[in-house]
Amino acid sequence: MQTRKLNPLEFHETRINPQRVEAGEPVVDFWEYVAAIPPEDFAFADCRAGNVTHVYRMEDKYEHVLINSQYQGVAMVIVVDLQSQSIYGHMLLDLNPAGTKEPEA
């Protein structure tokens, strides 16, 4: 399976009026995609536990599925294209303040 690592600009362009999704089933099964993401795209983060606690709907265009890592504020985000019902791409999101020391692997 082919994956697509989004750059920060591409990722930002998918953020449109985020609304948290409280319940429901995923539009697409994204776990096969997650398994295909190259290890280097995870950098220092370990998301193998598959713990999803946040999903955000971006109007009727995208969903951001956050797969938590072992570190607070760091998650692999799977961007789902709602119109094509496919995976648009992924990005490791680090919400920690700039300059925060990266955890050691």
C-alpha atoms as a PDB file:
ATOM      1  CA  MET A   1       0.000   0.000   0.000  1.00  0.00           C
ATOM      2  CA  GLN A   2       1.276   3.441  -0.910  1.00  0.00           C
ATOM      3  CA  THR A   3       1.357   6.100   1.804  1.00  0.00           C
ATOM      4  CA  ARG A   4       1.702   9.862   1.634  1.00  0.00           C
ATOM      5  CA  LYS A   5       3.575  11.880   4.245  1.00  0.00           C
ATOM      6  CA  LEU A   6       2.085  15.358   4.340  1.00  0.00           C
ATOM      7  CA  ASN A   7       4.248  18.414   4.822  1.00  0.00           C
ATOM      8  CA  PRO A   8       3.050  21.048   7.330  1.00  0.00           C
ATOM      9  CA  LEU A   9       1.467  23.211   4.616  1.00  0.00           C
ATOM     10  CA  GLU A  10      -0.471  20.279   3.097  1.00  0.00           C
ATOM     11  CA  PHE A  11      -1.632  19.268   6.564  1.00  0.00           C
ATOM     12  CA  HIS A  12      -2.685  22.820   7.453  1.00  0.00           C
ATOM     13  CA  GLU A  13      -4.743  23.041   4.260  1.00  0.00           C
ATOM     14  CA  THR A  14      -6.877  20.136   5.554  1.00  0.00           C
ATOM     15  CA  ARG A  15      -7.734  21.985   8.797  1.00  0.00           C
ATOM     16  CA  ILE A  16     -11.088  23.630   8.126  1.00  0.00           C
ATOM     17  CA  ASN A  17     -13.225  24.572  11.134  1.00  0.00           C
ATOM     18  CA  PRO A  18     -12.331  21.488  13.249  1.00  0.00           C
ATOM     19  CA  GLN A  19     -15.168  19.896  15.229  1.00  0.00           C
ATOM     20  CA  ARG A  20     -14.477  16.990  17.570  1.00  0.00           C
ATOM     21  CA  VAL A  21     -16.277  13.757  16.683  1.00  0.00           C
ATOM     22  CA  GLU A  22     -17.623  12.218  19.884  1.00  0.00           C
ATOM     23  CA  ALA A  23     -19.007   8.907  18.556  1.00  0.00           C
ATOM     24  CA  GLY A  24     -19.376   6.866  15.400  1.00  0.00           C
ATOM     25  CA  GLU A  25     -17.559   4.484  13.140  1.00  0.00           C
ATOM     26  CA  PRO A  26     -14.610   5.407  10.915  1.00  0.00           C
ATOM     27  CA  VAL A  27     -15.476   6.306   7.334  1.00  0.00           C
ATOM     28  CA  VAL A  28     -12.652   4.054   6.109  1.00  0.00           C
ATOM     29  CA  ASP A  29     -10.587   1.310   7.723  1.00  0.00           C
ATOM     30  CA  PHE A  30      -7.270   3.111   8.165  1.00  0.00           C
ATOM     31  CA  TRP A  31      -5.310   0.446  10.085  1.00  0.00           C
ATOM     32  CA  GLU A  32      -3.850  -1.185   6.966  1.00  0.00           C
ATOM     33  CA  TYR A  33      -2.622   2.259   5.934  1.00  0.00           C
ATOM     34  CA  VAL A  34      -1.100   2.838   9.392  1.00  0.00           C
ATOM     35  CA  ALA A  35       0.757  -0.482   9.148  1.00  0.00           C
ATOM     36  CA  ALA A  36       2.227   0.634   5.806  1.00  0.00           C
ATOM     37  CA  ILE A  37       3.615   3.966   7.091  1.00  0.00           C
ATOM     38  CA  PRO A  38       7.428   3.813   6.943  1.00  0.00           C
ATOM     39  CA  PRO A  39       9.035   3.646  10.404  1.00  0.00           C
ATOM     40  CA  GLU A  40      11.025   6.841   9.780  1.00  0.00           C
ATOM     41  CA  ASP A  41       7.761   8.800   9.456  1.00  0.00           C
ATOM     42  CA  PHE A  42       7.074   8.017  13.128  1.00  0.00           C
ATOM     43  CA  ALA A  43      10.453   9.546  14.106  1.00  0.00           C
ATOM     44  CA  PHE A  44      10.741   9.194  17.891  1.00  0.00           C
ATOM     45  CA  ALA A  45       7.050   8.354  18.444  1.00  0.00           C
ATOM     46  CA  ASP A  46       5.636   4.894  19.088  1.00  0.00           C
ATOM     47  CA  CYS A  47       1.983   4.656  18.056  1.00  0.00           C
ATOM     48  CA  ARG A  48       1.810   0.843  17.934  1.00  0.00           C
ATOM     49  CA  ALA A  49      -0.714   0.654  20.777  1.00  0.00           C
ATOM     50  CA  GLY A  50      -3.298   2.030  18.353  1.00  0.00           C
ATOM     51  CA  ASN A  51      -4.874   4.315  20.932  1.00  0.00           C
ATOM     52  CA  VAL A  52      -7.260   6.727  19.162  1.00  0.00           C
ATOM     53  CA  THR A  53      -8.849   9.238  21.533  1.00  0.00           C
ATOM     54  CA  HIS A  54      -9.441  12.207  19.231  1.00  0.00           C
ATOM     55  CA  VAL A  55     -11.090  12.494  15.839  1.00  0.00           C
ATOM     56  CA  TYR A  56     -11.847  15.860  14.270  1.00  0.00           C
ATOM     57  CA  ARG A  57     -14.203  16.558  11.359  1.00  0.00           C
ATOM     58  CA  MET A  58     -13.172  19.349   9.016  1.00  0.00           C
ATOM     59  CA  GLU A  59     -16.568  20.362   7.648  1.00  0.00           C
ATOM     60  CA  ASP A  60     -17.580  17.739   5.081  1.00  0.00           C
ATOM     61  CA  LYS A  61     -14.098  17.480   3.563  1.00  0.00           C
ATOM     62  CA  TYR A  62     -11.694  15.710   5.936  1.00  0.00           C
ATOM     63  CA  GLU A  63     -11.373  13.835   9.191  1.00  0.00           C
ATOM     64  CA  HIS A  64      -8.231  13.876  11.305  1.00  0.00           C
ATOM     65  CA  VAL A  65      -7.747  10.658  13.266  1.00  0.00           C
ATOM     66  CA  LEU A  66      -5.116  11.085  16.004  1.00  0.00           C
ATOM     67  CA  ILE A  67      -3.263   7.934  17.026  1.00  0.00           C
ATOM     68  CA  ASN A  68      -1.567   8.694  20.321  1.00  0.00           C
ATOM     69  CA  SER A  69       2.086   7.985  20.967  1.00  0.00           C
ATOM     70  CA  GLN A  70       3.794   7.289  24.256  1.00  0.00           C
ATOM     71  CA  TYR A  71       4.399  11.048  24.644  1.00  0.00           C
ATOM     72  CA  GLN A  72       1.836  13.655  25.676  1.00  0.00           C
ATOM     73  CA  GLY A  73       1.044  15.991  22.787  1.00  0.00           C
ATOM     74  CA  VAL A  74       2.505  13.765  20.053  1.00  0.00           C
ATOM     75  CA  ALA A  75       0.305  11.762  17.693  1.00  0.00           C
ATOM     76  CA  MET A  76       0.298  10.331  14.198  1.00  0.00           C
ATOM     77  CA  VAL A  77      -2.568  12.000  12.347  1.00  0.00           C
ATOM     78  CA  ILE A  78      -4.299  10.090   9.585  1.00  0.00           C
ATOM     79  CA  VAL A  79      -6.127  12.479   7.257  1.00  0.00           C
ATOM     80  CA  VAL A  80      -9.214  10.937   5.683  1.00  0.00           C
ATOM     81  CA  ASP A  81     -10.728  12.504   2.565  1.00  0.00           C
ATOM     82  CA  LEU A  82     -14.457  12.275   3.242  1.00  0.00           C
ATOM     83  CA  GLN A  83     -15.544  12.998  -0.323  1.00  0.00           C
ATOM     84  CA  SER A  84     -13.520  10.153  -1.883  1.00  0.00           C
ATOM     85  CA  GLN A  85     -13.696   8.022   1.289  1.00  0.00           C
ATOM     86  CA  SER A  86      -9.967   7.362   1.108  1.00  0.00           C
ATOM     87  CA  ILE A  87      -6.805   8.186   3.038  1.00  0.00           C
ATOM     88  CA  TYR A  88      -5.373  11.549   1.970  1.00  0.00           C
ATOM     89  CA  GLY A  89      -2.136  11.193   3.940  1.00  0.00           C
ATOM     90  CA  HIS A  90      -0.491  11.336   7.355  1.00  0.00           C
ATOM     91  CA  MET A  91       1.707  13.534   9.496  1.00  0.00           C
ATOM     92  CA  LEU A  92       3.356  13.216  12.892  1.00  0.00           C
ATOM     93  CA  LEU A  93       1.848  16.042  14.928  1.00  0.00           C
ATOM     94  CA  ASP A  94       3.806  17.443  17.870  1.00  0.00           C
ATOM     95  CA  LEU A  95       1.742  19.952  19.851  1.00  0.00           C
ATOM     96  CA  ASN A  96       4.495  20.653  22.357  1.00  0.00           C
ATOM     97  CA  PRO A  97       5.905  24.203  22.452  1.00  0.00           C
ATOM     98  CA  ALA A  98       8.680  25.037  20.006  1.00  0.00           C
ATOM     99  CA  GLY A  99      12.064  24.372  21.506  1.00  0.00           C
ATOM    100  CA  THR A 100      10.838  21.472  23.648  1.00  0.00           C
ATOM    101  CA  LYS A 101      13.529  18.828  23.729  1.00  0.00           C
ATOM    102  CA  GLU A 102      12.631  15.854  21.575  1.00  0.00           C
ATOM    103  CA  PRO A 103      12.337  12.671  23.658  1.00  0.00           C
ATOM    104  CA  GLU A 104      15.148  10.198  23.205  1.00  0.00           C
ATOM    105  CA  ALA A 105      14.267   7.075  21.249  1.00  0.00           C
END
